Amino acid sequence: MTTKALYIKIFQPFAQYRNPFTFYYAQTYPLPPKSTIIGMLQNLIDDYYGHKHGVENWWKLKVSIHGGFESVFWNYQQLIKGEIQLKKVGNKLVLSNQNLPLYNEGIKSQRTPVHQQELFNGHLHIFIKGERSILKEVKEAFDNPRKILSLGRSEDIIFIRRTEFVEPINGDSKTAEKSIWLSYPTYIKRDSFPIKNEKYPVYSIPVKIVFKNKGIPAKNKAEISKNTEREVEFKTVIYTGFDYVIKLNKPIKFEEFHVNGQSFKIISDGWL
């Protein structure tokens, strides 16, 4: 794996990265998880099921997300809970299981008002390392997009501000002895991270999603059915804030990237 990383600067007016562990309201993750970013890249070059580059090669990519949103607000929406089944009546498609039992007696498939947490005006800096052929194709597609791009929901469009290959300063890692200062919010893998003051929010984010039929990854959308299993892998991460100084129990290695006058520190064992 090369030391070079693909840097992507994104502006996103609105976003909702759904936290699946919230039920009575729809909480958003503060930054997009790895699975959401990989899904965006796959969609960008029409390789969502990995038929060109291979499913596992996509998930071997290393990702580091930095940045944040200007504000958070709550939206009141009507969402359809339960499995949606449609049937054709005349020339119209209508819900065929509206008001039918869902999980047990008294629970229906229906439209329900839900409070949904959303993010406003996001400035994201994404670094990706891995297979050079994938990253090269991704950069070319970002430079000349053939479709409207989104991150998360299909309506959460993004605007690409900058893409380039970058290398860490001096091409090598540095050592932080007692603390490390991070300019932008980011995710750090919780596993064995030597944080001294555990005061940061912790999230369980999806880092890999594969659709399988009888244990075999689906190769295209036509293979997706009701019997398809959605296999998700989660990773526990620490979420840091703006201009945070993290005190350490022991020294750690990190890489520092300078891009357009901005500094980004990525802990060597912190890539997702």
Protein backbone atom coordinates (compact mmCIF):
# COMPACT_ATOMS: atom_id res chain seq x y z
CA MET A 1 0.00 0.00 0.00
CA THR A 2 1.36 3.38 -1.00
CA THR A 3 1.81 6.17 1.54
CA LYS A 4 -0.19 8.43 -0.77
CA ALA A 5 -3.83 9.06 0.10
CA LEU A 6 -6.68 10.41 -1.98
CA TYR A 7 -7.93 13.63 -0.37
CA ILE A 8 -11.53 14.71 -1.03
CA LYS A 9 -12.95 18.01 0.20
CA ILE A 10 -16.75 18.09 0.28
CA PHE A 11 -19.45 20.62 1.06
CA GLN A 12 -22.82 19.13 2.00
CA PRO A 13 -25.82 21.42 2.68
CA PHE A 14 -27.90 18.80 4.52
CA ALA A 15 -27.23 15.29 5.83
CA GLN A 16 -28.67 12.50 7.93
CA TYR A 17 -26.39 9.53 8.62
CA ARG A 18 -28.88 7.29 10.40
CA ASN A 19 -27.77 5.63 13.61
CA PRO A 20 -29.53 2.22 13.47
CA PHE A 21 -29.39 1.87 17.26
CA THR A 22 -32.02 4.60 17.76
CA PHE A 23 -35.67 3.62 17.49
CA TYR A 24 -38.10 6.21 18.87
CA TYR A 25 -36.33 9.00 17.01
CA ALA A 26 -33.85 9.02 14.13
CA GLN A 27 -30.47 10.12 15.45
CA THR A 28 -27.69 10.96 13.01
CA TYR A 29 -24.02 10.15 13.37
CA PRO A 30 -22.00 13.40 13.57
CA LEU A 31 -19.83 12.35 10.60
CA PRO A 32 -20.46 9.82 7.83
CA PRO A 33 -19.35 6.29 8.79
CA LYS A 34 -16.96 4.32 6.60
CA SER A 35 -19.73 2.21 5.05
CA THR A 36 -21.52 5.35 3.83
CA ILE A 37 -18.34 6.72 2.23
CA ILE A 38 -17.49 3.42 0.50
CA GLY A 39 -21.08 3.21 -0.77
CA MET A 40 -20.73 6.71 -2.25
CA LEU A 41 -17.50 5.72 -4.03
CA GLN A 42 -19.02 2.50 -5.38
CA ASN A 43 -22.02 4.39 -6.70
CA LEU A 44 -19.73 7.04 -8.22
CA ILE A 45 -18.06 4.54 -10.57
CA ASP A 46 -21.05 2.17 -10.92
CA ASP A 47 -19.43 -0.64 -8.94
CA TYR A 48 -21.82 -0.82 -6.00
CA TYR A 49 -21.65 -4.63 -5.78
CA GLY A 50 -17.95 -4.87 -6.60
CA HIS A 51 -18.29 -6.64 -9.97
CA LYS A 52 -15.35 -4.60 -11.35
CA HIS A 53 -12.92 -4.35 -8.44
CA GLY A 54 -14.16 -7.10 -6.15
CA VAL A 55 -16.24 -6.71 -3.01
CA GLU A 56 -13.43 -7.26 -0.51
CA ASN A 57 -11.06 -4.85 -2.26
CA TRP A 58 -13.51 -2.04 -1.58
CA TRP A 59 -13.64 -2.77 2.13
CA LYS A 60 -9.86 -3.05 2.36
CA LEU A 61 -9.65 0.68 1.62
CA LYS A 62 -8.57 2.70 4.67
CA VAL A 63 -10.65 5.79 5.45
CA SER A 64 -10.21 8.78 7.76
CA ILE A 65 -12.98 11.39 8.07
CA HIS A 66 -12.49 14.94 9.39
CA GLY A 67 -14.66 18.05 9.59
CA GLY A 68 -18.11 18.87 10.83
CA PHE A 69 -21.40 20.67 10.38
CA GLU A 70 -22.39 24.20 11.34
CA SER A 71 -25.56 23.18 13.18
CA VAL A 72 -27.93 20.36 14.10
CA PHE A 73 -31.72 20.58 13.90
CA TRP A 74 -34.76 18.36 14.31
CA ASN A 75 -37.12 17.55 11.48
CA TYR A 76 -40.64 16.16 12.01
CA GLN A 77 -41.40 13.60 9.29
CA GLN A 78 -43.83 10.85 8.50
CA LEU A 79 -41.96 7.62 7.85
CA ILE A 80 -43.40 4.26 6.83
CA LYS A 81 -42.58 1.68 9.48
CA GLY A 82 -42.42 -1.97 8.55
CA GLU A 83 -41.98 -3.86 5.30
CA ILE A 84 -43.47 -2.03 2.32
CA GLN A 85 -45.49 -4.17 -0.09
CA LEU A 86 -47.00 -2.62 -3.21
CA LYS A 87 -49.66 -3.89 -5.58
CA LYS A 88 -51.11 -2.45 -8.76
CA VAL A 89 -54.73 -1.29 -8.61
CA GLY A 90 -55.77 0.01 -12.01
CA ASN A 91 -52.96 2.33 -13.08
CA LYS A 92 -51.75 3.08 -9.55
CA LEU A 93 -49.36 1.43 -7.11
CA VAL A 94 -50.80 1.29 -3.58
CA LEU A 95 -49.65 -0.12 -0.24
CA SER A 96 -51.03 -3.62 0.11
CA ASN A 97 -50.08 -4.15 3.76
CA GLN A 98 -51.25 -0.86 5.24
CA ASN A 99 -52.79 -1.51 8.70
CA LEU A 100 -51.89 -5.20 8.62
CA PRO A 101 -50.06 -6.82 11.59
CA LEU A 102 -46.33 -6.13 11.51
CA TYR A 103 -44.39 -7.89 14.28
CA ASN A 104 -47.17 -8.91 16.63
CA GLU A 105 -50.77 -8.14 17.43
CA GLY A 106 -51.48 -4.42 17.74
CA ILE A 107 -48.45 -3.24 15.74
CA LYS A 108 -49.20 -2.20 12.18
CA SER A 109 -47.39 -1.22 9.03
CA GLN A 110 -48.27 2.45 8.86
CA ARG A 111 -47.11 6.02 8.41
CA THR A 112 -45.83 7.35 11.75
CA PRO A 113 -44.60 10.84 12.70
CA VAL A 114 -40.94 10.64 13.73
CA HIS A 115 -38.47 13.22 14.99
CA GLN A 116 -35.41 13.08 12.74
CA GLN A 117 -32.10 14.68 13.65
CA GLU A 118 -30.39 16.36 10.69
CA LEU A 119 -27.14 18.20 10.02
CA PHE A 120 -26.76 21.54 8.25
CA ASN A 121 -23.85 22.94 6.20
CA GLY A 122 -21.14 20.30 6.38
CA HIS A 123 -17.47 20.80 5.53
CA LEU A 124 -15.88 17.36 5.21
CA HIS A 125 -12.29 16.29 4.55
CA ILE A 126 -11.94 12.63 3.60
CA PHE A 127 -8.66 10.72 3.24
CA ILE A 128 -8.59 7.29 1.56
CA LYS A 129 -5.67 4.86 1.23
CA GLY A 130 -5.55 1.53 -0.58
CA GLU A 131 -5.62 -0.07 -4.01
CA ARG A 132 -4.20 2.48 -6.43
CA SER A 133 -6.33 1.40 -9.42
CA ILE A 134 -9.55 1.98 -7.44
CA LEU A 135 -8.44 5.37 -6.11
CA LYS A 136 -7.29 6.51 -9.56
CA GLU A 137 -10.68 5.65 -11.09
CA VAL A 138 -12.47 7.32 -8.17
CA LYS A 139 -10.47 10.55 -8.59
CA GLU A 140 -11.15 10.65 -12.33
CA ALA A 141 -14.87 10.18 -11.66
CA PHE A 142 -14.87 12.97 -9.06
CA ASP A 143 -13.09 15.28 -11.49
CA ASN A 144 -15.65 14.51 -14.23
CA PRO A 145 -18.84 13.30 -12.48
CA ARG A 146 -21.47 11.65 -14.67
CA LYS A 147 -24.26 11.89 -12.11
CA ILE A 148 -25.51 13.97 -9.20
CA LEU A 149 -23.50 12.92 -6.15
CA SER A 150 -24.89 12.29 -2.68
CA LEU A 151 -23.56 11.04 0.66
CA GLY A 152 -26.02 9.15 2.85
CA ARG A 153 -29.59 9.62 1.66
CA SER A 154 -30.14 10.14 -2.06
CA GLU A 155 -31.44 13.67 -1.38
CA ASP A 156 -28.31 14.64 0.58
CA ILE A 157 -26.32 15.96 -2.36
CA ILE A 158 -22.67 16.94 -2.11
CA PHE A 159 -20.42 19.46 -3.86
CA ILE A 160 -16.82 18.46 -4.54
CA ARG A 161 -14.43 21.30 -3.70
CA ARG A 162 -11.08 19.55 -4.17
CA THR A 163 -9.55 16.15 -4.99
CA GLU A 164 -5.86 15.30 -5.06
CA PHE A 165 -3.32 12.70 -4.02
CA VAL A 166 -1.37 13.76 -0.94
CA GLU A 167 1.48 12.36 1.14
CA PRO A 168 2.23 12.78 4.84
CA ILE A 169 4.86 15.38 5.73
CA ASN A 170 8.35 13.95 5.21
CA GLY A 171 6.67 10.77 3.94
CA ASP A 172 6.85 9.17 7.38
CA SER A 173 4.95 8.92 10.66
CA LYS A 174 5.61 11.07 13.73
CA THR A 175 5.31 10.32 17.44
CA ALA A 176 3.02 12.03 19.94
CA GLU A 177 4.40 11.50 23.45
CA LYS A 178 1.89 12.81 26.00
CA SER A 179 -0.86 14.43 23.91
CA ILE A 180 -2.05 15.09 20.38
CA TRP A 181 -3.89 18.16 19.12
CA LEU A 182 -6.59 17.58 16.48
CA SER A 183 -7.90 20.60 14.58
CA TYR A 184 -11.08 18.98 13.27
CA PRO A 185 -13.58 16.47 14.65
CA THR A 186 -12.79 12.91 13.59
CA TYR A 187 -13.40 9.26 14.41
CA ILE A 188 -10.71 7.28 16.24
CA LYS A 189 -10.94 3.51 16.72
CA ARG A 190 -11.54 2.81 20.41
CA ASP A 191 -9.64 -0.50 20.35
CA SER A 192 -6.57 -0.14 22.58
CA PHE A 193 -6.35 3.62 21.98
CA PRO A 194 -4.33 4.99 24.95
CA ILE A 195 -6.61 7.91 25.82
CA LYS A 196 -6.02 9.29 29.32
CA ASN A 197 -9.23 11.25 29.91
CA GLU A 198 -12.23 9.31 28.60
CA LYS A 199 -14.58 12.25 28.15
CA TYR A 200 -15.43 11.87 24.48
CA PRO A 201 -18.64 10.53 22.89
CA VAL A 202 -18.46 6.94 21.66
CA TYR A 203 -20.38 5.55 18.68
CA SER A 204 -20.73 2.14 17.10
CA ILE A 205 -20.51 2.85 13.37
CA PRO A 206 -20.90 0.51 10.38
CA VAL A 207 -17.57 -0.05 8.62
CA LYS A 208 -18.59 -2.81 6.21
CA ILE A 209 -21.86 -3.85 4.56
CA VAL A 210 -22.16 -6.84 2.23
CA PHE A 211 -25.35 -8.28 0.71
CA LYS A 212 -25.23 -12.09 0.56
CA ASN A 213 -27.33 -14.89 -0.87
CA LYS A 214 -26.62 -18.16 0.99
CA GLY A 215 -23.26 -16.76 2.09
CA ILE A 216 -22.22 -15.59 -1.40
CA PRO A 217 -21.90 -11.80 -2.00
CA ALA A 218 -24.44 -10.41 -4.48
CA LYS A 219 -22.83 -9.21 -7.73
CA ASN A 220 -25.63 -6.94 -8.96
CA LYS A 221 -28.98 -5.44 -7.97
CA ALA A 222 -30.93 -8.17 -9.77
CA GLU A 223 -29.66 -10.70 -7.22
CA ILE A 224 -31.19 -8.79 -4.29
CA SER A 225 -34.38 -10.40 -2.96
CA LYS A 226 -36.33 -10.82 0.27
CA ASN A 227 -34.04 -13.71 1.17
CA THR A 228 -30.85 -11.65 0.73
CA GLU A 229 -28.96 -11.16 3.99
CA ARG A 230 -27.46 -7.76 4.81
CA GLU A 231 -24.24 -8.49 6.69
CA VAL A 232 -23.00 -5.48 8.68
CA GLU A 233 -19.76 -5.06 10.63
CA PHE A 234 -19.60 -2.36 13.32
CA LYS A 235 -16.62 -0.69 14.96
CA THR A 236 -16.59 1.31 18.21
CA VAL A 237 -15.08 4.77 17.70
CA ILE A 238 -14.36 7.89 19.74
CA TYR A 239 -15.70 11.13 18.29
CA THR A 240 -13.55 14.19 18.97
CA GLY A 241 -14.45 17.87 18.70
CA PHE A 242 -12.90 21.02 17.20
CA ASP A 243 -9.42 21.96 18.43
CA TYR A 244 -9.27 19.12 20.93
CA VAL A 245 -6.14 18.15 22.82
CA ILE A 246 -6.23 14.44 23.63
CA LYS A 247 -4.05 13.40 26.56
CA LEU A 248 -2.36 10.01 26.16
CA ASN A 249 -1.31 7.20 28.48
CA LYS A 250 1.54 6.24 26.16
CA PRO A 251 3.12 7.49 22.90
CA ILE A 252 1.37 6.90 19.58
CA LYS A 253 2.36 7.17 15.92
CA PHE A 254 0.51 9.52 13.59
CA GLU A 255 0.71 10.90 10.07
CA GLU A 256 0.35 14.62 9.35
CA PHE A 257 -1.02 15.86 6.05
CA HIS A 258 -0.91 19.49 4.91
CA VAL A 259 -3.53 20.34 2.29
CA ASN A 260 -4.16 23.84 1.01
CA GLY A 261 -2.82 25.47 4.19
CA GLN A 262 -4.70 23.12 6.55
CA SER A 263 -3.19 20.47 8.81
CA PHE A 264 -4.72 17.04 9.43
CA LYS A 265 -3.30 14.50 11.88
CA ILE A 266 -4.30 10.87 11.41
CA ILE A 267 -3.31 8.32 14.04
CA SER A 268 -1.46 5.51 12.27
CA ASP A 269 -3.63 2.84 13.88
CA GLY A 270 -6.73 5.01 13.55
CA TRP A 271 -7.62 4.51 9.89
CA LEU A 272 -11.03 2.83 9.60
